[in-house]
């Protein structure tokens, strides 16, 4: 019996390319499809989660939103990997800078994803799992970033379940930003760790490519218009990486 369509994706495996770009925002998925892909077709719109398949430089590529947080990307990446024959998912999203090594508008290529989530507990492991990117995807993205002359940093990010913290009585040197920053973590986002875990369990491949949209140390942040203009570098890098996988 087929496992599709699912409650979240009303499609079949032939509707998706082997590589899917996955922004959090459905409107960002729509933007990528309309501005980067040729002959893009809407293949899913359950719960307003836009999914499209088209071509980029002649190579089939899909783009579908994940929604916010690890529970949401956990569902969509699991179904794409296990039910729809997708081999590669590249998350394209934003991150808050947590390190002096990165600035607003920089790209972070997430080699690993620390987390404060209990998501790994679902795998019943007898220890602590380290969610990491697929090396081939990582190597390809770095090579393409160099070719495109983009400003990027490779390293660890934090995938957090928490957006708002009650830290009114917390000393500055004991805040999550300070503590994770001591360990060299570059930025915080909310999805990569779950994506990396699902890829590992499915025997598939994942990578998160992120743009620093605001900085927790300096307070600098981008406007909505600036985010759209800056994020196109990240989108191009992700698409160039996707095309190179077929090379």
Protein backbone atom coordinates (compact mmCIF):
# COMPACT_ATOMS: atom_id res chain seq x y z
CA UNK A 1 0.00 0.00 0.00
CA UNK A 2 1.33 3.44 -0.89
CA UNK A 3 2.14 5.89 1.90
CA UNK A 4 0.98 8.84 -0.19
CA UNK A 5 -0.72 11.18 -0.28
CA UNK A 6 -0.09 11.90 3.40
CA UNK A 7 -2.14 14.16 5.68
CA UNK A 8 0.39 16.90 4.93
CA UNK A 9 1.48 16.39 1.31
CA UNK A 10 -1.09 15.76 -1.41
CA UNK A 11 1.26 14.50 -4.12
CA UNK A 12 3.07 11.44 -5.46
CA UNK A 13 6.82 10.73 -5.70
CA UNK A 14 6.91 11.72 -9.37
CA UNK A 15 5.80 15.22 -8.38
CA UNK A 16 9.07 15.91 -6.52
CA UNK A 17 12.65 16.22 -7.72
CA UNK A 18 15.36 14.28 -5.90
CA UNK A 19 16.55 17.53 -4.30
CA UNK A 20 14.18 19.80 -2.39
CA UNK A 21 14.99 23.28 -1.13
CA UNK A 22 13.13 23.88 2.14
CA UNK A 23 12.61 27.40 3.47
CA UNK A 24 10.50 27.85 6.57
CA UNK A 25 8.18 30.44 5.05
CA UNK A 26 5.64 29.28 2.41
CA UNK A 27 5.90 32.68 0.72
CA UNK A 28 9.67 32.25 0.43
CA UNK A 29 9.05 28.93 -1.32
CA UNK A 30 6.71 30.76 -3.69
CA UNK A 31 9.34 33.47 -4.25
CA UNK A 32 12.01 30.92 -5.14
CA UNK A 33 9.68 29.09 -7.51
CA UNK A 34 8.57 32.26 -9.29
CA UNK A 35 11.96 33.96 -9.50
CA UNK A 36 14.47 31.14 -9.92
CA UNK A 37 12.75 28.06 -11.33
CA UNK A 38 11.56 27.51 -14.89
CA UNK A 39 8.17 25.90 -15.56
CA UNK A 40 7.43 25.66 -11.84
CA UNK A 41 4.26 23.78 -10.98
CA UNK A 42 2.45 23.84 -7.64
CA UNK A 43 2.51 20.23 -6.42
CA UNK A 44 1.34 20.73 -2.84
CA UNK A 45 -0.67 23.32 -0.95
CA UNK A 46 -2.04 21.40 2.02
CA UNK A 47 -2.34 23.75 5.04
CA UNK A 48 -0.89 26.53 2.89
CA UNK A 49 2.51 24.82 2.68
CA UNK A 50 3.48 25.69 -0.88
CA UNK A 51 5.47 23.05 -2.74
CA UNK A 52 6.70 23.53 -6.31
CA UNK A 53 8.73 21.56 -8.83
CA UNK A 54 10.48 23.09 -11.81
CA UNK A 55 13.95 23.25 -13.29
CA UNK A 56 17.04 25.33 -12.58
CA UNK A 57 19.59 25.40 -15.39
CA UNK A 58 17.83 22.36 -16.81
CA UNK A 59 17.97 20.32 -13.60
CA UNK A 60 14.73 19.32 -11.82
CA UNK A 61 14.51 20.98 -8.40
CA UNK A 62 11.66 21.21 -5.92
CA UNK A 63 11.04 23.81 -3.25
CA UNK A 64 8.62 23.36 -0.37
CA UNK A 65 8.16 25.15 2.93
CA UNK A 66 8.73 23.46 6.27
CA UNK A 67 6.88 25.80 8.58
CA UNK A 68 8.50 26.93 11.83
CA UNK A 69 10.23 24.71 14.34
CA UNK A 70 11.51 21.17 14.59
CA UNK A 71 8.11 19.47 14.96
CA UNK A 72 7.04 21.01 11.64
CA UNK A 73 10.18 20.34 9.60
CA UNK A 74 10.29 16.94 11.28
CA UNK A 75 6.99 16.02 9.66
CA UNK A 76 7.70 17.37 6.18
CA UNK A 77 11.28 16.12 5.89
CA UNK A 78 10.30 12.68 7.20
CA UNK A 79 7.56 12.33 4.61
CA UNK A 80 9.70 13.62 1.74
CA UNK A 81 12.59 11.29 2.61
CA UNK A 82 10.52 8.19 3.37
CA UNK A 83 7.38 8.44 1.25
CA UNK A 84 8.27 10.63 -1.74
CA UNK A 85 11.73 9.31 -2.72
CA UNK A 86 13.53 12.59 -2.06
CA UNK A 87 17.28 12.12 -1.57
CA UNK A 88 18.47 15.62 -0.59
CA UNK A 89 16.89 18.43 1.41
CA UNK A 90 18.63 21.80 1.64
CA UNK A 91 17.17 24.09 4.25
CA UNK A 92 17.31 27.77 3.20
CA UNK A 93 16.50 29.96 6.17
CA UNK A 94 17.47 32.74 8.52
CA UNK A 95 19.52 32.70 11.71
CA UNK A 96 20.29 35.03 14.56
CA UNK A 97 24.01 35.67 14.89
CA UNK A 98 25.55 34.50 18.18
CA UNK A 99 29.23 34.99 17.39
CA UNK A 100 31.60 37.80 16.48
CA UNK A 101 32.73 35.60 13.61
CA UNK A 102 29.57 36.36 11.65
CA UNK A 103 27.83 39.58 10.66
CA UNK A 104 24.34 40.42 9.52
CA UNK A 105 23.91 39.42 5.84
CA UNK A 106 26.59 36.70 6.10
CA UNK A 107 25.81 33.13 5.08
CA UNK A 108 26.27 30.28 7.54
CA UNK A 109 26.73 26.79 6.12
CA UNK A 110 25.75 24.58 9.04
CA UNK A 111 28.25 21.78 9.50
CA UNK A 112 26.48 20.69 12.69
CA UNK A 113 23.37 21.59 14.64
CA UNK A 114 23.38 21.68 18.43
CA UNK A 115 19.94 21.69 20.02
CA UNK A 116 18.00 22.25 23.22
CA UNK A 117 15.19 20.07 21.86
CA UNK A 118 14.11 16.60 22.95
CA UNK A 119 13.62 15.59 19.30
CA UNK A 120 16.44 13.03 19.44
CA UNK A 121 14.63 11.12 22.19
CA UNK A 122 12.21 9.74 19.59
CA UNK A 123 15.05 7.58 18.24
CA UNK A 124 15.60 5.79 21.60
CA UNK A 125 19.37 6.22 21.47
CA UNK A 126 21.54 5.20 24.44
CA UNK A 127 23.48 8.45 24.34
CA UNK A 128 23.66 11.91 22.75
CA UNK A 129 23.39 12.06 18.95
CA UNK A 130 25.36 14.72 17.05
CA UNK A 131 23.29 16.04 14.12
CA UNK A 132 25.63 16.86 11.22
CA UNK A 133 25.24 17.80 7.57
CA UNK A 134 25.95 15.45 4.70
CA UNK A 135 29.60 15.94 3.78
CA UNK A 136 29.07 15.89 0.01
CA UNK A 137 26.37 18.54 0.24
CA UNK A 138 28.55 20.59 2.58
CA UNK A 139 31.63 20.29 0.35
CA UNK A 140 29.61 21.20 -2.74
CA UNK A 141 28.03 24.23 -1.09
CA UNK A 142 31.41 25.53 0.08
CA UNK A 143 32.88 25.10 -3.38
CA UNK A 144 29.95 26.95 -4.97
CA UNK A 145 30.10 29.73 -2.37
CA UNK A 146 33.74 30.27 -3.31
CA UNK A 147 32.88 30.36 -7.01
CA UNK A 148 30.14 32.91 -6.35
CA UNK A 149 32.45 34.99 -4.12
CA UNK A 150 29.97 34.91 -1.25
CA UNK A 151 30.81 35.77 2.36
CA UNK A 152 30.17 32.63 4.37
CA UNK A 153 31.28 30.78 7.48
CA UNK A 154 31.11 27.03 8.07
CA UNK A 155 30.38 25.83 11.57
CA UNK A 156 27.90 24.89 14.27
CA UNK A 157 24.46 26.40 14.75
CA UNK A 158 21.92 26.02 17.52
CA UNK A 159 18.49 24.65 16.66
CA UNK A 160 16.28 25.88 19.45
CA UNK A 161 12.68 25.12 20.39
CA UNK A 162 12.43 28.51 22.06
CA UNK A 163 12.00 31.89 20.40
CA UNK A 164 10.97 33.95 23.45
CA UNK A 165 12.88 33.46 26.71
CA UNK A 166 12.10 34.89 30.14
CA UNK A 167 15.64 35.97 31.00
CA UNK A 168 14.90 39.07 33.05
CA UNK A 169 16.90 37.81 36.06
CA UNK A 170 19.64 35.99 34.12
CA UNK A 171 23.20 37.40 34.27
CA UNK A 172 24.47 38.38 30.82
CA UNK A 173 27.27 35.81 30.93
CA UNK A 174 24.76 33.02 31.63
CA UNK A 175 22.30 33.66 28.83
CA UNK A 176 21.92 31.04 26.08
CA UNK A 177 23.65 33.40 23.65
CA UNK A 178 26.71 33.69 25.89
CA UNK A 179 26.87 30.02 26.81
CA UNK A 180 26.48 28.66 23.29
CA UNK A 181 28.77 31.37 21.97
CA UNK A 182 31.54 30.12 24.26
CA UNK A 183 31.34 26.81 22.38
CA UNK A 184 31.82 28.50 19.01
CA UNK A 185 28.19 28.28 17.92
CA UNK A 186 27.67 30.79 15.11
CA UNK A 187 23.92 31.36 15.12
CA UNK A 188 20.52 30.19 16.28
CA UNK A 189 17.62 28.91 14.20
CA UNK A 190 14.81 26.42 14.79
CA UNK A 191 14.90 23.55 12.28
CA UNK A 192 18.30 22.16 11.21
CA UNK A 193 18.85 19.59 13.97
CA UNK A 194 15.58 17.77 13.30
CA UNK A 195 16.28 17.82 9.56
CA UNK A 196 19.76 16.34 10.09
CA UNK A 197 18.40 13.63 12.40
CA UNK A 198 15.68 12.62 9.94
CA UNK A 199 18.22 12.47 7.13
CA UNK A 200 20.51 10.26 9.21
CA UNK A 201 17.69 7.88 10.14
CA UNK A 202 16.43 7.71 6.55
CA UNK A 203 19.87 7.22 5.01
CA UNK A 204 19.39 10.45 3.06
CA UNK A 205 21.22 13.79 2.84
CA UNK A 206 20.61 17.21 4.38
CA UNK A 207 22.25 20.62 4.69
CA UNK A 208 21.18 23.96 6.14
CA UNK A 209 22.31 27.16 4.43
CA UNK A 210 21.34 30.20 6.49
CA UNK A 211 21.50 33.97 6.21
CA UNK A 212 22.20 35.99 9.36
CA UNK A 213 19.15 38.26 9.50
CA UNK A 214 19.80 39.74 12.94
CA UNK A 215 22.57 39.64 15.52
CA UNK A 216 22.01 38.84 19.19
CA UNK A 217 25.26 40.49 20.26
CA UNK A 218 25.01 43.78 18.38
CA UNK A 219 21.25 44.16 18.06
CA UNK A 220 21.53 44.81 14.32
CA UNK A 221 18.71 43.45 12.18
CA UNK A 222 17.50 43.58 8.60
CA UNK A 223 14.24 45.08 7.40
CA UNK A 224 11.80 42.92 5.46
CA UNK A 225 12.98 44.43 2.18
CA UNK A 226 16.64 43.92 3.08
CA UNK A 227 15.94 40.30 3.99
CA UNK A 228 14.43 39.63 0.59
CA UNK A 229 17.35 41.23 -1.26
CA UNK A 230 20.02 39.55 0.88
CA UNK A 231 18.42 36.11 0.94
CA UNK A 232 18.74 35.79 -2.84
CA UNK A 233 22.45 34.97 -2.42
CA UNK A 234 21.52 32.06 -0.16
CA UNK A 235 18.86 30.91 -2.62
CA UNK A 236 21.30 31.02 -5.53
CA UNK A 237 23.91 29.11 -3.54
CA UNK A 238 21.38 26.43 -2.63
CA UNK A 239 20.22 26.04 -6.22
CA UNK A 240 23.77 25.91 -7.55
CA UNK A 241 24.51 23.22 -4.98
CA UNK A 242 21.44 21.27 -6.08
CA UNK A 243 22.48 21.42 -9.75
CA UNK A 244 26.02 20.31 -8.92
CA UNK A 245 24.74 17.12 -7.29
CA UNK A 246 23.90 15.86 -10.78
CA UNK A 247 27.30 16.79 -12.18
